[in-house]
Structure formats: C-alpha cells, structure tokens
C-alpha cells in the first residue's frame, strides 16, 4: 500500500482529465502591464482661465470715424464740383460763363502773388489742409481710455466721465471728505476734496492710498497719476 500524497497548497489541483490549470499571474507584478507612472495627475492650473496681467500692455487708442469733418468736406467738394460742371456745360452749350468765374479768372490773372488777398487765400487753404492732415494722422476719441486686454479678441475702453465718477465715489467713502471733484485726463487724475473734520494731512494720505488703489482697479492700460488736494470748505455767506 502506498501512502496518499499530500496536496501542496502552492500547486494547482489536477482536474479530472489529467490536465493542470495554469497559474494566473497579475500583470502589475511582472511590470509588463501599462505603465502607471505615465499618468500624471491634473494640476490645479489646468482648466483654469488665464488671469490678466496686472501691469498690462500699452494698448492703442480708439480711432474716431470723424464723420462730421468728412461729411463737411465731401459736401463742399460736391457742391464746388457740381457748380463748375454746370458752368462748363453752359459754356459748351454756347452760353456765357457765370460772372463770378469770369471775375475770378480776371483777378487771378491780374493780381500779383504778393497781393494781400492772394496771401490770405493761400493761408486759409494751407490751414484747412493742415487741419485735415492732423485729423487723418491722430486717433481722436480722447474721452475713451483704453483698458487692459484680458482677451486677445476684445479691445475695451472706459469713458473719462465714468472713470471720474468711480473715483469720486471712492473719495466720498473716506472719512472726513465732504465733497470731491475729479477731473480725469489721459495721464493724470486731479482730485479736489473738501474736508470738514480730521486733519488735512491725514485725509490727503488716506485719499491718495484709496484713489491709487481705485485707479489700479479700473483696469486701464495706462493708469493715470493721481494728484490730490484737500482744503477746508468755504464759509457760507
């Protein structure tokens, strides 16, 4: 008699058909599975909108369409061209030319170049031409202050009156300020305040700090410098 063999727990049991089950190996134990180290955890910066630069860039000013000067020049040229065209057509139709054109041609032929009226006319024409060149070369819209560009496809601007109103509201929040007047320019904001109590130096220091922070909060591309002047209110009567 042979003794029964003990069953090793590490060996898989035999099946009835005489075949053995192959051991199942976890791929993570052999290192042949997908590399888990390649999976990087999403950072906090991913998916977050890009914050606008606090300093901002030098944004260009807004250009004015200048419809009024362009309309005036177009109407003058149209009227003058129509008048000359009518006179030329009248002459071609064997009619006498207009008296004003005959007089103008005679005066231009007889008057010397150093005549007073010739110099005045030339000066007026040169001034008008210079005015048109200035209008064409400058952007205009001085009342609109360009703001920092938070998005590449958005160019925003803030009106001077709106900026002055915002600074005036912030100035009135300072303790001791009775009234405030703000004049907003492209490079400077002049603030004139009246304080009916507290020391003027203390009010001026606090106003300067509050308004500097308010100007920074407007988001302008070129933040103007703040000039603060504080005085006592005048006596009534």
C-alpha atoms as a PDB file:
ATOM      1  CA  UNK A   1       0.000   0.000   0.000  1.00  0.00           C
ATOM      2  CA  UNK A   2       1.211   3.354  -0.861  1.00  0.00           C
ATOM      3  CA  UNK A   3       0.530   6.291   1.302  1.00  0.00           C
ATOM      4  CA  UNK A   4      -1.599   9.049  -0.137  1.00  0.00           C
ATOM      5  CA  UNK A   5       0.370  12.048  -1.308  1.00  0.00           C
ATOM      6  CA  UNK A   6      -0.173  15.258   0.459  1.00  0.00           C
ATOM      7  CA  UNK A   7      -1.510  18.141  -1.545  1.00  0.00           C
ATOM      8  CA  UNK A   8       0.827  21.093  -1.752  1.00  0.00           C
ATOM      9  CA  UNK A   9      -1.226  24.264  -1.367  1.00  0.00           C
ATOM     10  CA  UNK A  10       1.106  26.083  -3.804  1.00  0.00           C
ATOM     11  CA  UNK A  11       0.422  23.572  -6.602  1.00  0.00           C
ATOM     12  CA  UNK A  12      -2.835  23.825  -8.503  1.00  0.00           C
ATOM     13  CA  UNK A  13      -5.083  20.790  -8.192  1.00  0.00           C
ATOM     14  CA  UNK A  14      -5.353  18.379 -11.069  1.00  0.00           C
ATOM     15  CA  UNK A  15      -8.544  18.224 -12.989  1.00  0.00           C
ATOM     16  CA  UNK A  16     -10.341  15.010 -13.760  1.00  0.00           C
ATOM     17  CA  UNK A  17      -8.951  14.927 -17.305  1.00  0.00           C
ATOM     18  CA  UNK A  18      -5.370  14.910 -16.126  1.00  0.00           C
ATOM     19  CA  UNK A  19      -4.665  18.498 -17.129  1.00  0.00           C
ATOM     20  CA  UNK A  20      -3.432  21.195 -14.844  1.00  0.00           C
ATOM     21  CA  UNK A  21      -4.635  24.753 -14.614  1.00  0.00           C
ATOM     22  CA  UNK A  22      -2.015  27.320 -15.426  1.00  0.00           C
ATOM     23  CA  UNK A  23      -1.403  29.842 -12.703  1.00  0.00           C
ATOM     24  CA  UNK A  24      -2.793  33.295 -13.339  1.00  0.00           C
ATOM     25  CA  UNK A  25      -0.149  35.980 -12.996  1.00  0.00           C
ATOM     26  CA  UNK A  26      -1.108  39.585 -12.249  1.00  0.00           C
ATOM     27  CA  UNK A  27       0.472  41.808 -14.957  1.00  0.00           C
ATOM     28  CA  UNK A  28       1.177  44.504 -12.385  1.00  0.00           C
ATOM     29  CA  UNK A  29       3.503  42.116 -10.524  1.00  0.00           C
ATOM     30  CA  UNK A  30       5.713  41.460 -13.551  1.00  0.00           C
ATOM     31  CA  UNK A  31       5.853  45.079 -14.716  1.00  0.00           C
ATOM     32  CA  UNK A  32       4.503  44.161 -18.187  1.00  0.00           C
ATOM     33  CA  UNK A  33       1.233  45.974 -17.756  1.00  0.00           C
ATOM     34  CA  UNK A  34       0.514  49.570 -18.651  1.00  0.00           C
ATOM     35  CA  UNK A  35       2.923  51.990 -17.020  1.00  0.00           C
ATOM     36  CA  UNK A  36       1.100  53.744 -14.249  1.00  0.00           C
ATOM     37  CA  UNK A  37       3.840  56.318 -13.826  1.00  0.00           C
ATOM     38  CA  UNK A  38       2.939  57.922 -17.171  1.00  0.00           C
ATOM     39  CA  UNK A  39      -0.389  59.019 -15.801  1.00  0.00           C
ATOM     40  CA  UNK A  40       0.158  62.452 -14.386  1.00  0.00           C
ATOM     41  CA  UNK A  41      -2.323  63.933 -12.006  1.00  0.00           C
ATOM     42  CA  UNK A  42      -4.090  67.039 -13.325  1.00  0.00           C
ATOM     43  CA  UNK A  43      -2.610  70.144 -11.813  1.00  0.00           C
ATOM     44  CA  UNK A  44      -4.611  72.942 -10.331  1.00  0.00           C
ATOM     45  CA  UNK A  45      -3.560  75.258 -13.135  1.00  0.00           C
ATOM     46  CA  UNK A  46      -5.174  73.038 -15.804  1.00  0.00           C
ATOM     47  CA  UNK A  47      -8.641  74.139 -16.815  1.00  0.00           C
ATOM     48  CA  UNK A  48      -8.326  77.436 -15.059  1.00  0.00           C
ATOM     49  CA  UNK A  49      -8.736  80.702 -17.060  1.00  0.00           C
ATOM     50  CA  UNK A  50      -5.605  82.721 -17.505  1.00  0.00           C
ATOM     51  CA  UNK A  51      -5.575  85.690 -15.198  1.00  0.00           C
ATOM     52  CA  UNK A  52      -4.967  89.051 -16.881  1.00  0.00           C
ATOM     53  CA  UNK A  53      -1.620  90.651 -16.382  1.00  0.00           C
ATOM     54  CA  UNK A  54      -1.796  93.233 -13.652  1.00  0.00           C
ATOM     55  CA  UNK A  55       0.633  95.542 -15.371  1.00  0.00           C
ATOM     56  CA  UNK A  56      -0.997  95.238 -18.789  1.00  0.00           C
ATOM     57  CA  UNK A  57       0.374  96.321 -22.113  1.00  0.00           C
ATOM     58  CA  UNK A  58       0.327  99.645 -23.888  1.00  0.00           C
ATOM     59  CA  UNK A  59      -2.937  99.335 -25.752  1.00  0.00           C
ATOM     60  CA  UNK A  60      -3.576 101.619 -28.692  1.00  0.00           C
ATOM     61  CA  UNK A  61      -6.197 104.336 -28.511  1.00  0.00           C
ATOM     62  CA  UNK A  62      -9.531 104.140 -30.275  1.00  0.00           C
ATOM     63  CA  UNK A  63      -9.732 105.782 -33.702  1.00  0.00           C
ATOM     64  CA  UNK A  64     -12.595 108.111 -34.422  1.00  0.00           C
ATOM     65  CA  UNK A  65     -14.648 107.722 -37.583  1.00  0.00           C
ATOM     66  CA  UNK A  66     -14.768 111.547 -37.886  1.00  0.00           C
ATOM     67  CA  UNK A  67     -17.998 111.547 -39.796  1.00  0.00           C
ATOM     68  CA  UNK A  68     -18.660 115.278 -39.325  1.00  0.00           C
ATOM     69  CA  UNK A  69     -15.407 116.605 -40.887  1.00  0.00           C
ATOM     70  CA  UNK A  70     -15.573 114.001 -43.629  1.00  0.00           C
ATOM     71  CA  UNK A  71     -19.194 114.917 -44.365  1.00  0.00           C
ATOM     72  CA  UNK A  72     -18.449 118.647 -44.466  1.00  0.00           C
ATOM     73  CA  UNK A  73     -15.505 118.204 -46.849  1.00  0.00           C
ATOM     74  CA  UNK A  74     -17.499 115.844 -49.058  1.00  0.00           C
ATOM     75  CA  UNK A  75     -20.434 118.279 -49.290  1.00  0.00           C
ATOM     76  CA  UNK A  76     -18.151 121.236 -50.099  1.00  0.00           C
ATOM     77  CA  UNK A  77     -16.299 119.309 -52.800  1.00  0.00           C
ATOM     78  CA  UNK A  78     -19.561 118.010 -54.228  1.00  0.00           C
ATOM     79  CA  UNK A  79     -21.093 121.479 -54.393  1.00  0.00           C
ATOM     80  CA  UNK A  80     -17.988 123.057 -55.909  1.00  0.00           C
ATOM     81  CA  UNK A  81     -17.579 120.285 -58.469  1.00  0.00           C
ATOM     82  CA  UNK A  82     -21.266 120.495 -59.411  1.00  0.00           C
ATOM     83  CA  UNK A  83     -21.057 124.268 -59.822  1.00  0.00           C
ATOM     84  CA  UNK A  84     -18.016 124.072 -62.096  1.00  0.00           C
ATOM     85  CA  UNK A  85     -19.558 121.221 -64.083  1.00  0.00           C
ATOM     86  CA  UNK A  86     -22.716 123.254 -64.666  1.00  0.00           C
ATOM     87  CA  UNK A  87     -20.730 126.294 -65.785  1.00  0.00           C
ATOM     88  CA  UNK A  88     -18.568 124.230 -68.168  1.00  0.00           C
ATOM     89  CA  UNK A  89     -21.678 122.595 -69.629  1.00  0.00           C
ATOM     90  CA  UNK A  90     -23.233 126.048 -70.121  1.00  0.00           C
ATOM     91  CA  UNK A  91     -20.154 127.280 -71.985  1.00  0.00           C
ATOM     92  CA  UNK A  92     -20.175 124.171 -74.168  1.00  0.00           C
ATOM     93  CA  UNK A  93     -23.800 124.926 -74.994  1.00  0.00           C
ATOM     94  CA  UNK A  94     -22.779 128.383 -76.382  1.00  0.00           C
ATOM     95  CA  UNK A  95     -23.920 130.234 -73.280  1.00  0.00           C
ATOM     96  CA  UNK A  96     -21.850 132.835 -71.464  1.00  0.00           C
ATOM     97  CA  UNK A  97     -19.884 131.736 -68.416  1.00  0.00           C
ATOM     98  CA  UNK A  98     -21.006 132.775 -64.968  1.00  0.00           C
ATOM     99  CA  UNK A  99     -19.942 136.232 -63.895  1.00  0.00           C
ATOM    100  CA  UNK A 100     -18.220 135.019 -60.729  1.00  0.00           C
ATOM    101  CA  UNK A 101     -15.988 132.673 -62.736  1.00  0.00           C
ATOM    102  CA  UNK A 102     -15.036 135.404 -65.213  1.00  0.00           C
ATOM    103  CA  UNK A 103     -14.259 137.755 -62.333  1.00  0.00           C
ATOM    104  CA  UNK A 104     -12.213 135.080 -60.552  1.00  0.00           C
ATOM    105  CA  UNK A 105     -10.198 134.328 -63.693  1.00  0.00           C
ATOM    106  CA  UNK A 106      -9.555 138.036 -64.261  1.00  0.00           C
ATOM    107  CA  UNK A 107      -8.432 138.600 -60.657  1.00  0.00           C
ATOM    108  CA  UNK A 108      -6.089 135.604 -60.731  1.00  0.00           C
ATOM    109  CA  UNK A 109      -4.566 136.858 -63.970  1.00  0.00           C
ATOM    110  CA  UNK A 110      -4.074 140.461 -62.839  1.00  0.00           C
ATOM    111  CA  UNK A 111      -3.161 140.216 -59.146  1.00  0.00           C
ATOM    112  CA  UNK A 112       0.497 139.544 -58.251  1.00  0.00           C
ATOM    113  CA  UNK A 113       1.482 136.708 -55.926  1.00  0.00           C
ATOM    114  CA  UNK A 114       2.416 139.100 -53.103  1.00  0.00           C
ATOM    115  CA  UNK A 115      -1.045 140.627 -53.012  1.00  0.00           C
ATOM    116  CA  UNK A 116      -2.749 140.649 -49.618  1.00  0.00           C
ATOM    117  CA  UNK A 117      -5.862 138.762 -50.732  1.00  0.00           C
ATOM    118  CA  UNK A 118      -3.799 136.134 -52.521  1.00  0.00           C
ATOM    119  CA  UNK A 119      -1.728 135.560 -49.381  1.00  0.00           C
ATOM    120  CA  UNK A 120      -4.868 135.392 -47.229  1.00  0.00           C
ATOM    121  CA  UNK A 121      -6.482 132.837 -49.542  1.00  0.00           C
ATOM    122  CA  UNK A 122      -3.320 130.760 -49.628  1.00  0.00           C
ATOM    123  CA  UNK A 123      -3.081 130.881 -45.817  1.00  0.00           C
ATOM    124  CA  UNK A 124      -6.700 129.743 -45.400  1.00  0.00           C
ATOM    125  CA  UNK A 125      -6.201 126.881 -47.865  1.00  0.00           C
ATOM    126  CA  UNK A 126      -2.985 125.813 -46.114  1.00  0.00           C
ATOM    127  CA  UNK A 127      -4.701 125.918 -42.698  1.00  0.00           C
ATOM    128  CA  UNK A 128      -7.572 123.777 -43.941  1.00  0.00           C
ATOM    129  CA  UNK A 129      -5.154 121.293 -45.477  1.00  0.00           C
ATOM    130  CA  UNK A 130      -3.129 121.095 -42.251  1.00  0.00           C
ATOM    131  CA  UNK A 131      -6.314 120.576 -40.243  1.00  0.00           C
ATOM    132  CA  UNK A 132      -7.321 117.677 -42.485  1.00  0.00           C
ATOM    133  CA  UNK A 133      -3.852 116.124 -42.183  1.00  0.00           C
ATOM    134  CA  UNK A 134      -3.986 116.355 -38.376  1.00  0.00           C
ATOM    135  CA  UNK A 135      -7.417 114.727 -38.344  1.00  0.00           C
ATOM    136  CA  UNK A 136      -6.149 111.925 -40.571  1.00  0.00           C
ATOM    137  CA  UNK A 137      -2.984 111.269 -38.523  1.00  0.00           C
ATOM    138  CA  UNK A 138      -4.406 111.399 -34.971  1.00  0.00           C
ATOM    139  CA  UNK A 139      -6.710 108.734 -33.472  1.00  0.00           C
ATOM    140  CA  UNK A 140      -9.194 111.051 -31.769  1.00  0.00           C
ATOM    141  CA  UNK A 141     -11.741 109.855 -29.185  1.00  0.00           C
ATOM    142  CA  UNK A 142      -9.783 111.413 -26.353  1.00  0.00           C
ATOM    143  CA  UNK A 143     -12.679 110.782 -23.965  1.00  0.00           C
ATOM    144  CA  UNK A 144     -12.261 106.991 -24.201  1.00  0.00           C
ATOM    145  CA  UNK A 145      -9.429 105.494 -22.138  1.00  0.00           C
ATOM    146  CA  UNK A 146      -8.139 102.114 -23.395  1.00  0.00           C
ATOM    147  CA  UNK A 147      -8.286  99.243 -20.911  1.00  0.00           C
ATOM    148  CA  UNK A 148      -6.030  96.240 -20.428  1.00  0.00           C
ATOM    149  CA  UNK A 149      -6.705  93.427 -22.876  1.00  0.00           C
ATOM    150  CA  UNK A 150      -7.969  90.421 -20.880  1.00  0.00           C
ATOM    151  CA  UNK A 151      -8.840  88.523 -24.067  1.00  0.00           C
ATOM    152  CA  UNK A 152      -6.991  88.701 -27.352  1.00  0.00           C
ATOM    153  CA  UNK A 153     -10.121  89.475 -29.380  1.00  0.00           C
ATOM    154  CA  UNK A 154     -11.617  92.101 -27.050  1.00  0.00           C
ATOM    155  CA  UNK A 155     -10.494  95.744 -27.025  1.00  0.00           C
ATOM    156  CA  UNK A 156     -12.363  97.607 -24.289  1.00  0.00           C
ATOM    157  CA  UNK A 157     -12.388 101.242 -23.289  1.00  0.00           C
ATOM    158  CA  UNK A 158     -13.667 103.321 -20.390  1.00  0.00           C
ATOM    159  CA  UNK A 159     -15.148 106.782 -20.787  1.00  0.00           C
ATOM    160  CA  UNK A 160     -13.497 109.556 -18.809  1.00  0.00           C
ATOM    161  CA  UNK A 161     -16.746 110.614 -17.152  1.00  0.00           C
ATOM    162  CA  UNK A 162     -17.373 107.063 -15.945  1.00  0.00           C
ATOM    163  CA  UNK A 163     -13.823 106.804 -14.558  1.00  0.00           C
ATOM    164  CA  UNK A 164     -14.147 110.191 -12.840  1.00  0.00           C
ATOM    165  CA  UNK A 165     -17.479 109.150 -11.323  1.00  0.00           C
ATOM    166  CA  UNK A 166     -15.949 105.932  -9.959  1.00  0.00           C
ATOM    167  CA  UNK A 167     -13.045 107.828  -8.376  1.00  0.00           C
ATOM    168  CA  UNK A 168     -15.420 110.420  -6.935  1.00  0.00           C
ATOM    169  CA  UNK A 169     -17.499 107.701  -5.279  1.00  0.00           C
ATOM    170  CA  UNK A 170     -14.385 106.146  -3.752  1.00  0.00           C
ATOM    171  CA  UNK A 171     -13.219 109.548  -2.498  1.00  0.00           C
ATOM    172  CA  UNK A 172     -16.549 110.209  -0.794  1.00  0.00           C
ATOM    173  CA  UNK A 173     -16.138 106.980   1.177  1.00  0.00           C
ATOM    174  CA  UNK A 174     -13.124 108.410   3.001  1.00  0.00           C
ATOM    175  CA  UNK A 175     -13.927 109.674   6.468  1.00  0.00           C
ATOM    176  CA  UNK A 176     -13.873 113.463   6.674  1.00  0.00           C
ATOM    177  CA  UNK A 177     -14.495 114.170   2.989  1.00  0.00           C
ATOM    178  CA  UNK A 178     -17.475 116.454   2.484  1.00  0.00           C
ATOM    179  CA  UNK A 179     -17.244 116.943  -1.279  1.00  0.00           C
ATOM    180  CA  UNK A 180     -14.934 115.867  -4.083  1.00  0.00           C
ATOM    181  CA  UNK A 181     -14.333 116.932  -7.659  1.00  0.00           C
ATOM    182  CA  UNK A 182     -12.403 114.727 -10.112  1.00  0.00           C
ATOM    183  CA  UNK A 183     -11.003 115.794 -13.464  1.00  0.00           C
ATOM    184  CA  UNK A 184      -9.844 112.813 -15.476  1.00  0.00           C
ATOM    185  CA  UNK A 185      -7.159 113.123 -18.128  1.00  0.00           C
ATOM    186  CA  UNK A 186      -5.259 110.505 -20.118  1.00  0.00           C
ATOM    187  CA  UNK A 187      -2.148 110.781 -17.960  1.00  0.00           C
ATOM    188  CA  UNK A 188      -3.362 112.433 -14.756  1.00  0.00           C
ATOM    189  CA  UNK A 189      -6.363 112.421 -12.446  1.00  0.00           C
ATOM    190  CA  UNK A 190      -6.790 115.657 -10.482  1.00  0.00           C
ATOM    191  CA  UNK A 191      -8.835 115.293  -7.311  1.00  0.00           C
ATOM    192  CA  UNK A 192     -10.008 118.305  -5.291  1.00  0.00           C
ATOM    193  CA  UNK A 193     -11.674 117.447  -1.992  1.00  0.00           C
ATOM    194  CA  UNK A 194     -13.128 119.421   0.895  1.00  0.00           C
ATOM    195  CA  UNK A 195     -12.786 118.050   4.429  1.00  0.00           C
ATOM    196  CA  UNK A 196     -14.888 119.450   7.271  1.00  0.00           C
ATOM    197  CA  UNK A 197     -13.142 117.488  10.042  1.00  0.00           C
ATOM    198  CA  UNK A 198      -9.962 115.491  10.647  1.00  0.00           C
ATOM    199  CA  UNK A 199      -6.501 116.731   9.859  1.00  0.00           C
ATOM    200  CA  UNK A 200      -5.946 117.639   6.248  1.00  0.00           C
ATOM    201  CA  UNK A 201      -2.713 115.663   6.045  1.00  0.00           C
ATOM    202  CA  UNK A 202      -4.438 112.513   7.301  1.00  0.00           C
ATOM    203  CA  UNK A 203      -7.293 112.922   4.836  1.00  0.00           C
ATOM    204  CA  UNK A 204      -4.861 113.571   1.990  1.00  0.00           C
ATOM    205  CA  UNK A 205      -2.797 110.482   2.834  1.00  0.00           C
ATOM    206  CA  UNK A 206      -5.837 108.250   3.011  1.00  0.00           C
ATOM    207  CA  UNK A 207      -7.280 109.725  -0.177  1.00  0.00           C
ATOM    208  CA  UNK A 208      -4.037 109.158  -2.023  1.00  0.00           C
ATOM    209  CA  UNK A 209      -3.930 105.485  -0.980  1.00  0.00           C
ATOM    210  CA  UNK A 210      -7.618 104.853  -1.717  1.00  0.00           C
ATOM    211  CA  UNK A 211      -7.586 106.575  -5.111  1.00  0.00           C
ATOM    212  CA  UNK A 212      -4.360 104.885  -6.191  1.00  0.00           C
ATOM    213  CA  UNK A 213      -5.985 101.523  -5.476  1.00  0.00           C
ATOM    214  CA  UNK A 214      -9.157 102.669  -7.263  1.00  0.00           C
ATOM    215  CA  UNK A 215      -7.204 103.695 -10.374  1.00  0.00           C
ATOM    216  CA  UNK A 216      -5.491 100.306 -10.400  1.00  0.00           C
ATOM    217  CA  UNK A 217      -8.885  98.637 -10.136  1.00  0.00           C
ATOM    218  CA  UNK A 218     -10.207 100.448 -13.220  1.00  0.00           C
ATOM    219  CA  UNK A 219      -8.089  98.163 -15.388  1.00  0.00           C
ATOM    220  CA  UNK A 220      -6.718 100.910 -17.617  1.00  0.00           C
ATOM    221  CA  UNK A 221      -3.858 100.181 -19.958  1.00  0.00           C
ATOM    222  CA  UNK A 222      -2.098 103.383 -18.903  1.00  0.00           C
ATOM    223  CA  UNK A 223      -3.137 104.171 -15.326  1.00  0.00           C
ATOM    224  CA  UNK A 224      -3.037 107.944 -14.784  1.00  0.00           C
ATOM    225  CA  UNK A 225      -1.135 109.517 -11.930  1.00  0.00           C
ATOM    226  CA  UNK A 226      -3.260 110.759  -9.032  1.00  0.00           C
ATOM    227  CA  UNK A 227      -2.970 114.342  -7.808  1.00  0.00           C
ATOM    228  CA  UNK A 228      -4.852 115.042  -4.552  1.00  0.00           C
ATOM    229  CA  UNK A 229      -5.548 118.438  -2.996  1.00  0.00           C
ATOM    230  CA  UNK A 230      -7.555 118.780   0.207  1.00  0.00           C
ATOM    231  CA  UNK A 231      -8.898 122.020   1.674  1.00  0.00           C
ATOM    232  CA  UNK A 232     -11.414 123.226   4.200  1.00  0.00           C
ATOM    233  CA  UNK A 233     -14.899 124.062   2.903  1.00  0.00           C
ATOM    234  CA  UNK A 234     -15.580 127.758   2.411  1.00  0.00           C
ATOM    235  CA  UNK A 235     -17.792 129.604   4.825  1.00  0.00           C
ATOM    236  CA  UNK A 236     -21.351 130.201   3.728  1.00  0.00           C
ATOM    237  CA  UNK A 237     -22.405 133.785   3.360  1.00  0.00           C
END
